[in-house]
PDB file of all heavy atoms in Angstrom:
ATOM      1  N   GLU A   1      12.991  -4.127  -2.637  1.00  0.00           N
ATOM      2  CA  GLU A   1      11.901  -3.637  -1.813  1.00  0.00           C
ATOM      3  C   GLU A   1      10.689  -4.559  -1.920  1.00  0.00           C
ATOM      4  O   GLU A   1      10.437  -5.143  -2.974  1.00  0.00           O
ATOM      5  CB  GLU A   1      11.496  -2.227  -2.262  1.00  0.00           C
ATOM      6  CG  GLU A   1      12.622  -1.217  -2.276  1.00  0.00           C
ATOM      7  CD  GLU A   1      13.416  -1.186  -3.581  1.00  0.00           C
ATOM      8  OE1 GLU A   1      13.182  -2.047  -4.462  1.00  0.00           O
ATOM      9  OE2 GLU A   1      14.285  -0.303  -3.723  1.00  0.00           O
ATOM     10  N   SER A   2       9.919  -4.644  -0.833  1.00  0.00           N
ATOM     11  CA  SER A   2       8.700  -5.452  -0.839  1.00  0.00           C
ATOM     12  C   SER A   2       7.744  -4.931   0.222  1.00  0.00           C
ATOM     13  O   SER A   2       8.127  -4.097   1.055  1.00  0.00           O
ATOM     14  CB  SER A   2       9.031  -6.922  -0.575  1.00  0.00           C
ATOM     15  OG  SER A   2       9.613  -7.079   0.704  1.00  0.00           O
ATOM     16  N   GLY A   3       6.511  -5.431   0.174  1.00  0.00           N
ATOM     17  CA  GLY A   3       5.536  -5.108   1.209  1.00  0.00           C
ATOM     18  C   GLY A   3       4.479  -4.097   0.809  1.00  0.00           C
ATOM     19  O   GLY A   3       3.582  -3.796   1.597  1.00  0.00           O
ATOM     20  N   GLY A   4       4.576  -3.577  -0.400  1.00  0.00           N
ATOM     21  CA  GLY A   4       3.578  -2.610  -0.833  1.00  0.00           C
ATOM     22  C   GLY A   4       2.230  -3.255  -1.087  1.00  0.00           C
ATOM     23  O   GLY A   4       2.079  -4.472  -1.024  1.00  0.00           O
ATOM     24  N   GLY A   5       1.249  -2.413  -1.376  1.00  0.00           N
ATOM     25  CA  GLY A   5      -0.083  -2.916  -1.667  1.00  0.00           C
ATOM     26  C   GLY A   5      -1.102  -1.802  -1.667  1.00  0.00           C
ATOM     27  O   GLY A   5      -0.751  -0.621  -1.658  1.00  0.00           O
ATOM     28  N   LEU A   6      -2.370  -2.211  -1.683  1.00  0.00           N
ATOM     29  CA  LEU A   6      -3.486  -1.272  -1.649  1.00  0.00           C
ATOM     30  C   LEU A   6      -4.009  -1.175  -0.219  1.00  0.00           C
ATOM     31  O   LEU A   6      -4.282  -2.213   0.409  1.00  0.00           O
ATOM     32  CB  LEU A   6      -4.594  -1.754  -2.586  1.00  0.00           C
ATOM     33  CG  LEU A   6      -5.902  -0.982  -2.555  1.00  0.00           C
ATOM     34  CD1 LEU A   6      -5.702   0.455  -3.022  1.00  0.00           C
ATOM     35  CD2 LEU A   6      -6.949  -1.693  -3.417  1.00  0.00           C
ATOM     36  N   VAL A   7      -4.153   0.024   0.270  1.00  0.00           N
ATOM     37  CA  VAL A   7      -4.637   0.229   1.638  1.00  0.00           C
ATOM     38  C   VAL A   7      -5.565   1.433   1.657  1.00  0.00           C
ATOM     39  O   VAL A   7      -5.408   2.364   0.853  1.00  0.00           O
ATOM     40  CB  VAL A   7      -3.439   0.419   2.598  1.00  0.00           C
ATOM     41  CG1 VAL A   7      -2.621   1.643   2.237  1.00  0.00           C
ATOM     42  CG2 VAL A   7      -3.883   0.440   4.042  1.00  0.00           C
ATOM     43  N   GLN A   8      -6.526   1.404   2.545  1.00  0.00           N
ATOM     44  CA  GLN A   8      -7.453   2.520   2.666  1.00  0.00           C
ATOM     45  C   GLN A   8      -6.794   3.673   3.427  1.00  0.00           C
ATOM     46  O   GLN A   8      -5.882   3.457   4.234  1.00  0.00           O
ATOM     47  CB  GLN A   8      -8.713   2.073   3.405  1.00  0.00           C
ATOM     48  CG  GLN A   8      -9.558   1.094   2.620  1.00  0.00           C
ATOM     49  CD  GLN A   8     -10.885   0.818   3.302  1.00  0.00           C
ATOM     50  OE1 GLN A   8     -11.065   1.071   4.486  1.00  0.00           O
ATOM     51  NE2 GLN A   8     -11.834   0.299   2.542  1.00  0.00           N
ATOM     52  N   PRO A   9      -7.256   4.878   3.179  1.00  0.00           N
ATOM     53  CA  PRO A   9      -6.744   6.017   3.958  1.00  0.00           C
ATOM     54  C   PRO A   9      -6.880   5.743   5.452  1.00  0.00           C
ATOM     55  O   PRO A   9      -7.911   5.222   5.910  1.00  0.00           O
ATOM     56  CB  PRO A   9      -7.646   7.169   3.508  1.00  0.00           C
ATOM     57  CG  PRO A   9      -8.056   6.803   2.123  1.00  0.00           C
ATOM     58  CD  PRO A   9      -8.216   5.309   2.137  1.00  0.00           C
ATOM     59  N   GLY A  10      -5.841   6.097   6.183  1.00  0.00           N
ATOM     60  CA  GLY A  10      -5.815   5.839   7.609  1.00  0.00           C
ATOM     61  C   GLY A  10      -5.206   4.503   7.978  1.00  0.00           C
ATOM     62  O   GLY A  10      -4.947   4.242   9.165  1.00  0.00           O
ATOM     63  N   GLY A  11      -4.980   3.664   6.987  1.00  0.00           N
ATOM     64  CA  GLY A  11      -4.419   2.343   7.249  1.00  0.00           C
ATOM     65  C   GLY A  11      -2.908   2.355   7.383  1.00  0.00           C
ATOM     66  O   GLY A  11      -2.277   3.411   7.361  1.00  0.00           O
ATOM     67  N   SER A  12      -2.348   1.150   7.517  1.00  0.00           N
ATOM     68  CA  SER A  12      -0.909   0.989   7.731  1.00  0.00           C
ATOM     69  C   SER A  12      -0.332  -0.050   6.781  1.00  0.00           C
ATOM     70  O   SER A  12      -1.041  -0.965   6.331  1.00  0.00           O
ATOM     71  CB  SER A  12      -0.636   0.546   9.174  1.00  0.00           C
ATOM     72  OG  SER A  12      -1.068   1.504  10.103  1.00  0.00           O
ATOM     73  N   LEU A  13       0.940   0.107   6.492  1.00  0.00           N
ATOM     74  CA  LEU A  13       1.704  -0.881   5.737  1.00  0.00           C
ATOM     75  C   LEU A  13       3.119  -0.881   6.278  1.00  0.00           C
ATOM     76  O   LEU A  13       3.603   0.160   6.753  1.00  0.00           O
ATOM     77  CB  LEU A  13       1.758  -0.535   4.243  1.00  0.00           C
ATOM     78  CG  LEU A  13       0.622  -0.939   3.323  1.00  0.00           C
ATOM     79  CD1 LEU A  13       0.884  -0.424   1.920  1.00  0.00           C
ATOM     80  CD2 LEU A  13       0.418  -2.442   3.303  1.00  0.00           C
ATOM     81  N   LYS A  14       3.779  -2.029   6.172  1.00  0.00           N
ATOM     82  CA  LYS A  14       5.188  -2.101   6.548  1.00  0.00           C
ATOM     83  C   LYS A  14       5.984  -2.582   5.352  1.00  0.00           C
ATOM     84  O   LYS A  14       5.770  -3.695   4.856  1.00  0.00           O
ATOM     85  CB  LYS A  14       5.406  -3.041   7.734  1.00  0.00           C
ATOM     86  CG  LYS A  14       6.834  -3.024   8.264  1.00  0.00           C
ATOM     87  CD  LYS A  14       6.961  -3.836   9.547  1.00  0.00           C
ATOM     88  CE  LYS A  14       8.354  -3.742  10.142  1.00  0.00           C
ATOM     89  NZ  LYS A  14       8.470  -4.477  11.427  1.00  0.00           N
ATOM     90  N   LEU A  15       6.884  -1.754   4.889  1.00  0.00           N
ATOM     91  CA  LEU A  15       7.741  -2.085   3.760  1.00  0.00           C
ATOM     92  C   LEU A  15       9.054  -2.679   4.258  1.00  0.00           C
ATOM     93  O   LEU A  15       9.539  -2.313   5.335  1.00  0.00           O
ATOM     94  CB  LEU A  15       8.033  -0.843   2.921  1.00  0.00           C
ATOM     95  CG  LEU A  15       6.829  -0.049   2.426  1.00  0.00           C
ATOM     96  CD1 LEU A  15       7.300   1.096   1.532  1.00  0.00           C
ATOM     97  CD2 LEU A  15       5.844  -0.931   1.709  1.00  0.00           C
ATOM     98  N   SER A  16       9.605  -3.573   3.451  1.00  0.00           N
ATOM     99  CA  SER A  16      10.907  -4.160   3.747  1.00  0.00           C
ATOM    100  C   SER A  16      11.880  -3.852   2.620  1.00  0.00           C
ATOM    101  O   SER A  16      11.484  -3.771   1.447  1.00  0.00           O
ATOM    102  CB  SER A  16      10.788  -5.674   3.913  1.00  0.00           C
ATOM    103  OG  SER A  16       9.964  -6.008   5.000  1.00  0.00           O
ATOM    104  N   CYS A  17      13.110  -3.729   2.978  1.00  0.00           N
ATOM    105  CA  CYS A  17      14.194  -3.442   2.030  1.00  0.00           C
ATOM    106  C   CYS A  17      15.316  -4.412   2.367  1.00  0.00           C
ATOM    107  O   CYS A  17      15.991  -4.245   3.382  1.00  0.00           O
ATOM    108  CB  CYS A  17      14.626  -1.995   2.202  1.00  0.00           C
ATOM    109  SG  CYS A  17      16.210  -1.566   1.475  1.00  0.00           S
ATOM    110  N   THR A  18      15.476  -5.438   1.540  1.00  0.00           N
ATOM    111  CA  THR A  18      16.451  -6.492   1.819  1.00  0.00           C
ATOM    112  C   THR A  18      17.673  -6.298   0.950  1.00  0.00           C
ATOM    113  O   THR A  18      17.560  -6.133  -0.273  1.00  0.00           O
ATOM    114  CB  THR A  18      15.827  -7.866   1.563  1.00  0.00           C
ATOM    115  OG1 THR A  18      14.654  -7.998   2.374  1.00  0.00           O
ATOM    116  CG2 THR A  18      16.808  -8.977   1.934  1.00  0.00           C
ATOM    117  N   ALA A  19      18.832  -6.356   1.585  1.00  0.00           N
ATOM    118  CA  ALA A  19      20.096  -6.095   0.887  1.00  0.00           C
ATOM    119  C   ALA A  19      20.714  -7.367   0.329  1.00  0.00           C
ATOM    120  O   ALA A  19      20.465  -8.466   0.832  1.00  0.00           O
ATOM    121  CB  ALA A  19      21.069  -5.425   1.842  1.00  0.00           C
ATOM    122  N   SER A  20      21.550  -7.188  -0.694  1.00  0.00           N
ATOM    123  CA  SER A  20      22.213  -8.325  -1.342  1.00  0.00           C
ATOM    124  C   SER A  20      23.414  -8.818  -0.542  1.00  0.00           C
ATOM    125  O   SER A  20      23.956  -9.882  -0.836  1.00  0.00           O
ATOM    126  CB  SER A  20      22.665  -7.924  -2.751  1.00  0.00           C
ATOM    127  OG  SER A  20      23.561  -6.825  -2.692  1.00  0.00           O
ATOM    128  N   ALA A  21      23.832  -8.027   0.448  1.00  0.00           N
ATOM    129  CA  ALA A  21      24.952  -8.397   1.306  1.00  0.00           C
ATOM    130  C   ALA A  21      24.792  -7.655   2.627  1.00  0.00           C
ATOM    131  O   ALA A  21      23.793  -6.972   2.843  1.00  0.00           O
ATOM    132  CB  ALA A  21      26.271  -8.045   0.619  1.00  0.00           C
ATOM    133  N   SER A  22      25.773  -7.788   3.466  1.00  0.00           N
ATOM    134  CA  SER A  22      25.685  -7.176   4.787  1.00  0.00           C
ATOM    135  C   SER A  22      25.511  -5.667   4.704  1.00  0.00           C
ATOM    136  O   SER A  22      26.161  -4.997   3.904  1.00  0.00           O
ATOM    137  CB  SER A  22      26.945  -7.506   5.586  1.00  0.00           C
ATOM    138  OG  SER A  22      26.938  -6.804   6.809  1.00  0.00           O
ATOM    139  N   ILE A  23      24.629  -5.155   5.562  1.00  0.00           N
ATOM    140  CA  ILE A  23      24.436  -3.705   5.648  1.00  0.00           C
ATOM    141  C   ILE A  23      25.119  -3.130   6.882  1.00  0.00           C
ATOM    142  O   ILE A  23      25.011  -1.946   7.163  1.00  0.00           O
ATOM    143  CB  ILE A  23      22.942  -3.316   5.663  1.00  0.00           C
ATOM    144  CG1 ILE A  23      22.244  -3.858   6.918  1.00  0.00           C
ATOM    145  CG2 ILE A  23      22.244  -3.792   4.400  1.00  0.00           C
ATOM    146  CD1 ILE A  23      20.830  -3.322   7.098  1.00  0.00           C
ATOM    147  N   ALA A  24      25.823  -3.970   7.599  1.00  0.00           N
ATOM    148  CA  ALA A  24      26.411  -3.537   8.866  1.00  0.00           C
ATOM    149  C   ALA A  24      27.372  -2.357   8.694  1.00  0.00           C
ATOM    150  O   ALA A  24      27.512  -1.527   9.590  1.00  0.00           O
ATOM    151  CB  ALA A  24      27.135  -4.706   9.528  1.00  0.00           C
ATOM    152  N   THR A  25      28.044  -2.302   7.547  1.00  0.00           N
ATOM    153  CA  THR A  25      29.021  -1.234   7.338  1.00  0.00           C
ATOM    154  C   THR A  25      28.461  -0.066   6.541  1.00  0.00           C
ATOM    155  O   THR A  25      29.183   0.888   6.245  1.00  0.00           O
ATOM    156  CB  THR A  25      30.263  -1.781   6.611  1.00  0.00           C
ATOM    157  OG1 THR A  25      29.858  -2.342   5.365  1.00  0.00           O
ATOM    158  CG2 THR A  25      30.955  -2.845   7.444  1.00  0.00           C
ATOM    159  N   ILE A  26      27.185  -0.132   6.198  1.00  0.00           N
ATOM    160  CA  ILE A  26      26.560   0.975   5.467  1.00  0.00           C
ATOM    161  C   ILE A  26      26.053   1.984   6.484  1.00  0.00           C
ATOM    162  O   ILE A  26      25.155   1.678   7.272  1.00  0.00           O
ATOM    163  CB  ILE A  26      25.407   0.494   4.581  1.00  0.00           C
ATOM    164  CG1 ILE A  26      25.909  -0.522   3.555  1.00  0.00           C
ATOM    165  CG2 ILE A  26      24.763   1.689   3.865  1.00  0.00           C
ATOM    166  CD1 ILE A  26      24.814  -1.138   2.720  1.00  0.00           C
ATOM    167  N   TYR A  27      26.625   3.171   6.467  1.00  0.00           N
ATOM    168  CA  TYR A  27      26.304   4.127   7.517  1.00  0.00           C
ATOM    169  C   TYR A  27      24.834   4.538   7.497  1.00  0.00           C
ATOM    170  O   TYR A  27      24.161   4.564   8.527  1.00  0.00           O
ATOM    171  CB  TYR A  27      27.191   5.361   7.420  1.00  0.00           C
ATOM    172  CG  TYR A  27      26.819   6.386   8.467  1.00  0.00           C
ATOM    173  CD1 TYR A  27      27.024   6.125   9.820  1.00  0.00           C
ATOM    174  CD2 TYR A  27      26.220   7.590   8.115  1.00  0.00           C
ATOM    175  CE1 TYR A  27      26.640   7.032  10.790  1.00  0.00           C
ATOM    176  CE2 TYR A  27      25.838   8.500   9.080  1.00  0.00           C
ATOM    177  CZ  TYR A  27      26.055   8.222  10.419  1.00  0.00           C
ATOM    178  OH  TYR A  27      25.664   9.108  11.367  1.00  0.00           O
ATOM    179  N   ALA A  28      24.322   4.854   6.322  1.00  0.00           N
ATOM    180  CA  ALA A  28      22.947   5.348   6.258  1.00  0.00           C
ATOM    181  C   ALA A  28      22.230   4.787   5.039  1.00  0.00           C
ATOM    182  O   ALA A  28      22.782   4.751   3.939  1.00  0.00           O
ATOM    183  CB  ALA A  28      22.928   6.873   6.209  1.00  0.00           C
ATOM    184  N   ILE A  29      20.999   4.367   5.259  1.00  0.00           N
ATOM    185  CA  ILE A  29      20.143   3.850   4.187  1.00  0.00           C
ATOM    186  C   ILE A  29      18.871   4.675   4.165  1.00  0.00           C
ATOM    187  O   ILE A  29      18.269   4.920   5.208  1.00  0.00           O
ATOM    188  CB  ILE A  29      19.840   2.362   4.412  1.00  0.00           C
ATOM    189  CG1 ILE A  29      21.151   1.555   4.365  1.00  0.00           C
ATOM    190  CG2 ILE A  29      18.866   1.851   3.359  1.00  0.00           C
ATOM    191  CD1 ILE A  29      20.992   0.100   4.755  1.00  0.00           C
ATOM    192  N   GLY A  30      18.474   5.066   2.983  1.00  0.00           N
ATOM    193  CA  GLY A  30      17.309   5.932   2.850  1.00  0.00           C
ATOM    194  C   GLY A  30      16.142   5.259   2.160  1.00  0.00           C
ATOM    195  O   GLY A  30      16.319   4.311   1.392  1.00  0.00           O
ATOM    196  N   TRP A  31      14.954   5.737   2.466  1.00  0.00           N
ATOM    197  CA  TRP A  31      13.739   5.378   1.733  1.00  0.00           C
ATOM    198  C   TRP A  31      13.363   6.579   0.868  1.00  0.00           C
ATOM    199  O   TRP A  31      13.470   7.731   1.303  1.00  0.00           O
ATOM    200  CB  TRP A  31      12.590   5.054   2.674  1.00  0.00           C
ATOM    201  CG  TRP A  31      12.630   3.674   3.237  1.00  0.00           C
ATOM    202  CD1 TRP A  31      13.091   3.294   4.462  1.00  0.00           C
ATOM    203  CD2 TRP A  31      12.177   2.473   2.599  1.00  0.00           C
ATOM    204  NE1 TRP A  31      12.964   1.936   4.622  1.00  0.00           N
ATOM    205  CE2 TRP A  31      12.391   1.409   3.490  1.00  0.00           C
ATOM    206  CE3 TRP A  31      11.589   2.186   1.359  1.00  0.00           C
ATOM    207  CZ2 TRP A  31      12.056   0.082   3.198  1.00  0.00           C
ATOM    208  CZ3 TRP A  31      11.265   0.873   1.063  1.00  0.00           C
ATOM    209  CH2 TRP A  31      11.496  -0.167   1.980  1.00  0.00           C
ATOM    210  N   TYR A  32      12.880   6.278  -0.335  1.00  0.00           N
ATOM    211  CA  TYR A  32      12.509   7.296  -1.303  1.00  0.00           C
ATOM    212  C   TYR A  32      11.188   6.878  -1.944  1.00  0.00           C
ATOM    213  O   TYR A  32      10.799   5.727  -1.857  1.00  0.00           O
ATOM    214  CB  TYR A  32      13.584   7.418  -2.392  1.00  0.00           C
ATOM    215  CG  TYR A  32      14.964   7.690  -1.860  1.00  0.00           C
ATOM    216  CD1 TYR A  32      15.752   6.650  -1.360  1.00  0.00           C
ATOM    217  CD2 TYR A  32      15.499   8.973  -1.850  1.00  0.00           C
ATOM    218  CE1 TYR A  32      17.012   6.887  -0.850  1.00  0.00           C
ATOM    219  CE2 TYR A  32      16.771   9.219  -1.346  1.00  0.00           C
ATOM    220  CZ  TYR A  32      17.510   8.168  -0.849  1.00  0.00           C
ATOM    221  OH  TYR A  32      18.768   8.409  -0.350  1.00  0.00           O
ATOM    222  N   ARG A  33      10.525   7.821  -2.595  1.00  0.00           N
ATOM    223  CA  ARG A  33       9.310   7.458  -3.315  1.00  0.00           C
ATOM    224  C   ARG A  33       9.196   8.309  -4.576  1.00  0.00           C
ATOM    225  O   ARG A  33       9.758   9.409  -4.662  1.00  0.00           O
ATOM    226  CB  ARG A  33       8.064   7.628  -2.438  1.00  0.00           C
ATOM    227  CG  ARG A  33       7.772   9.049  -1.990  1.00  0.00           C
ATOM    228  CD  ARG A  33       6.626   9.061  -0.977  1.00  0.00           C
ATOM    229  NE  ARG A  33       6.329  10.408  -0.506  1.00  0.00           N
ATOM    230  CZ  ARG A  33       5.469  10.668   0.484  1.00  0.00           C
ATOM    231  NH1 ARG A  33       4.832   9.668   1.111  1.00  0.00           N
ATOM    232  NH2 ARG A  33       5.242  11.915   0.844  1.00  0.00           N
ATOM    233  N   GLN A  34       8.447   7.769  -5.517  1.00  0.00           N
ATOM    234  CA  GLN A  34       8.285   8.467  -6.791  1.00  0.00           C
ATOM    235  C   GLN A  34       6.885   8.255  -7.332  1.00  0.00           C
ATOM    236  O   GLN A  34       6.377   7.125  -7.348  1.00  0.00           O
ATOM    237  CB  GLN A  34       9.316   7.983  -7.813  1.00  0.00           C
ATOM    238  CG  GLN A  34       9.330   8.797  -9.099  1.00  0.00           C
ATOM    239  CD  GLN A  34      10.518   8.431  -9.973  1.00  0.00           C
ATOM    240  OE1 GLN A  34      11.054   7.336  -9.904  1.00  0.00           O
ATOM    241  NE2 GLN A  34      10.916   9.381 -10.822  1.00  0.00           N
ATOM    242  N   VAL A  35       6.307   9.342  -7.767  1.00  0.00           N
ATOM    243  CA  VAL A  35       5.010   9.338  -8.427  1.00  0.00           C
ATOM    244  C   VAL A  35       5.258   9.544  -9.914  1.00  0.00           C
ATOM    245  O   VAL A  35       6.131  10.342 -10.283  1.00  0.00           O
ATOM    246  CB  VAL A  35       4.116  10.458  -7.861  1.00  0.00           C
ATOM    247  CG1 VAL A  35       2.817  10.551  -8.640  1.00  0.00           C
ATOM    248  CG2 VAL A  35       3.851  10.240  -6.384  1.00  0.00           C
ATOM    249  N   PRO A  36       4.526   8.854 -10.792  1.00  0.00           N
ATOM    250  CA  PRO A  36       4.747   9.037 -12.235  1.00  0.00           C
ATOM    251  C   PRO A  36       4.713  10.506 -12.626  1.00  0.00           C
ATOM    252  O   PRO A  36       3.819  11.255 -12.204  1.00  0.00           O
ATOM    253  CB  PRO A  36       3.594   8.265 -12.862  1.00  0.00           C
ATOM    254  CG  PRO A  36       3.286   7.200 -11.872  1.00  0.00           C
ATOM    255  CD  PRO A  36       3.511   7.827 -10.529  1.00  0.00           C
ATOM    256  N   GLY A  37       5.698  10.916 -13.395  1.00  0.00           N
ATOM    257  CA  GLY A  37       5.751  12.288 -13.861  1.00  0.00           C
ATOM    258  C   GLY A  37       6.441  13.249 -12.913  1.00  0.00           C
ATOM    259  O   GLY A  37       6.596  14.431 -13.247  1.00  0.00           O
ATOM    260  N   LYS A  38       6.846  12.750 -11.753  1.00  0.00           N
ATOM    261  CA  LYS A  38       7.533  13.604 -10.778  1.00  0.00           C
ATOM    262  C   LYS A  38       8.890  13.014 -10.428  1.00  0.00           C
ATOM    263  O   LYS A  38       9.136  11.826 -10.624  1.00  0.00           O
ATOM    264  CB  LYS A  38       6.695  13.764  -9.512  1.00  0.00           C
ATOM    265  CG  LYS A  38       5.396  14.524  -9.733  1.00  0.00           C
ATOM    266  CD  LYS A  38       4.728  14.827  -8.402  1.00  0.00           C
ATOM    267  CE  LYS A  38       3.481  15.661  -8.583  1.00  0.00           C
ATOM    268  NZ  LYS A  38       2.832  16.005  -7.288  1.00  0.00           N
ATOM    269  N   GLU A  39       9.746  13.854  -9.879  1.00  0.00           N
ATOM    270  CA  GLU A  39      11.055  13.372  -9.468  1.00  0.00           C
ATOM    271  C   GLU A  39      10.937  12.507  -8.215  1.00  0.00           C
ATOM    272  O   GLU A  39      10.028  12.686  -7.397  1.00  0.00           O
ATOM    273  CB  GLU A  39      11.982  14.560  -9.201  1.00  0.00           C
ATOM    274  CG  GLU A  39      12.384  15.310 -10.455  1.00  0.00           C
ATOM    275  CD  GLU A  39      13.528  16.266 -10.204  1.00  0.00           C
ATOM    276  OE1 GLU A  39      13.997  16.351  -9.061  1.00  0.00           O
ATOM    277  OE2 GLU A  39      13.941  16.938 -11.159  1.00  0.00           O
ATOM    278  N   ARG A  40      11.899  11.588  -8.100  1.00  0.00           N
ATOM    279  CA  ARG A  40      11.948  10.769  -6.887  1.00  0.00           C
ATOM    280  C   ARG A  40      12.270  11.688  -5.708  1.00  0.00           C
ATOM    281  O   ARG A  40      13.115  12.579  -5.813  1.00  0.00           O
ATOM    282  CB  ARG A  40      13.020   9.701  -7.058  1.00  0.00           C
ATOM    283  CG  ARG A  40      13.079   8.674  -5.954  1.00  0.00           C
ATOM    284  CD  ARG A  40      14.146   7.627  -6.248  1.00  0.00           C
ATOM    285  NE  ARG A  40      13.691   6.688  -7.271  1.00  0.00           N
ATOM    286  CZ  ARG A  40      14.343   6.489  -8.420  1.00  0.00           C
ATOM    287  NH1 ARG A  40      15.437   7.175  -8.703  1.00  0.00           N
ATOM    288  NH2 ARG A  40      13.891   5.612  -9.291  1.00  0.00           N
ATOM    289  N   GLU A  41      11.601  11.465  -4.573  1.00  0.00           N
ATOM    290  CA  GLU A  41      11.828  12.290  -3.404  1.00  0.00           C
ATOM    291  C   GLU A  41      12.256  11.434  -2.211  1.00  0.00           C
ATOM    292  O   GLU A  41      11.850  10.282  -2.075  1.00  0.00           O
ATOM    293  CB  GLU A  41      10.579  13.100  -3.039  1.00  0.00           C
ATOM    294  CG  GLU A  41       9.402  12.295  -2.577  1.00  0.00           C
ATOM    295  CD  GLU A  41       8.250  13.159  -2.059  1.00  0.00           C
ATOM    296  OE1 GLU A  41       8.368  14.402  -2.067  1.00  0.00           O
ATOM    297  OE2 GLU A  41       7.230  12.584  -1.640  1.00  0.00           O
ATOM    298  N   TRP A  42      13.051  12.029  -1.370  1.00  0.00           N
ATOM    299  CA  TRP A  42      13.503  11.363  -0.159  1.00  0.00           C
ATOM    300  C   TRP A  42      12.384  11.339   0.870  1.00  0.00           C
ATOM    301  O   TRP A  42      11.625  12.311   1.012  1.00  0.00           O
ATOM    302  CB  TRP A  42      14.714  12.111   0.399  1.00  0.00           C
ATOM    303  CG  TRP A  42      15.073  11.713   1.779  1.00  0.00           C
ATOM    304  CD1 TRP A  42      15.669  10.552   2.181  1.00  0.00           C
ATOM    305  CD2 TRP A  42      14.846  12.471   2.965  1.00  0.00           C
ATOM    306  NE1 TRP A  42      15.822  10.553   3.543  1.00  0.00           N
ATOM    307  CE2 TRP A  42      15.334  11.720   4.046  1.00  0.00           C
ATOM    308  CE3 TRP A  42      14.273  13.722   3.219  1.00  0.00           C
ATOM    309  CZ2 TRP A  42      15.265  12.170   5.355  1.00  0.00           C
ATOM    310  CZ3 TRP A  42      14.206  14.178   4.528  1.00  0.00           C
ATOM    311  CH2 TRP A  42      14.703  13.404   5.578  1.00  0.00           C
ATOM    312  N   VAL A  43      12.269  10.229   1.619  1.00  0.00           N
ATOM    313  CA  VAL A  43      11.212  10.068   2.612  1.00  0.00           C
ATOM    314  C   VAL A  43      11.783   9.953   4.016  1.00  0.00           C
ATOM    315  O   VAL A  43      11.308  10.608   4.944  1.00  0.00           O
ATOM    316  CB  VAL A  43      10.361   8.824   2.293  1.00  0.00           C
ATOM    317  CG1 VAL A  43       9.350   8.554   3.400  1.00  0.00           C
ATOM    318  CG2 VAL A  43       9.659   8.981   0.952  1.00  0.00           C
TER     319      VAL A  43
END
């Protein structure tokens, strides 16, 4: 994953997720996030 950073409320960011091989045969890819002390959640 890449593209994160510091942004002000109301702003925008575009994250990238680059695979180690072809993703053409991967049916579904998910984004998730985690805050310290909490479980990872699906986005």
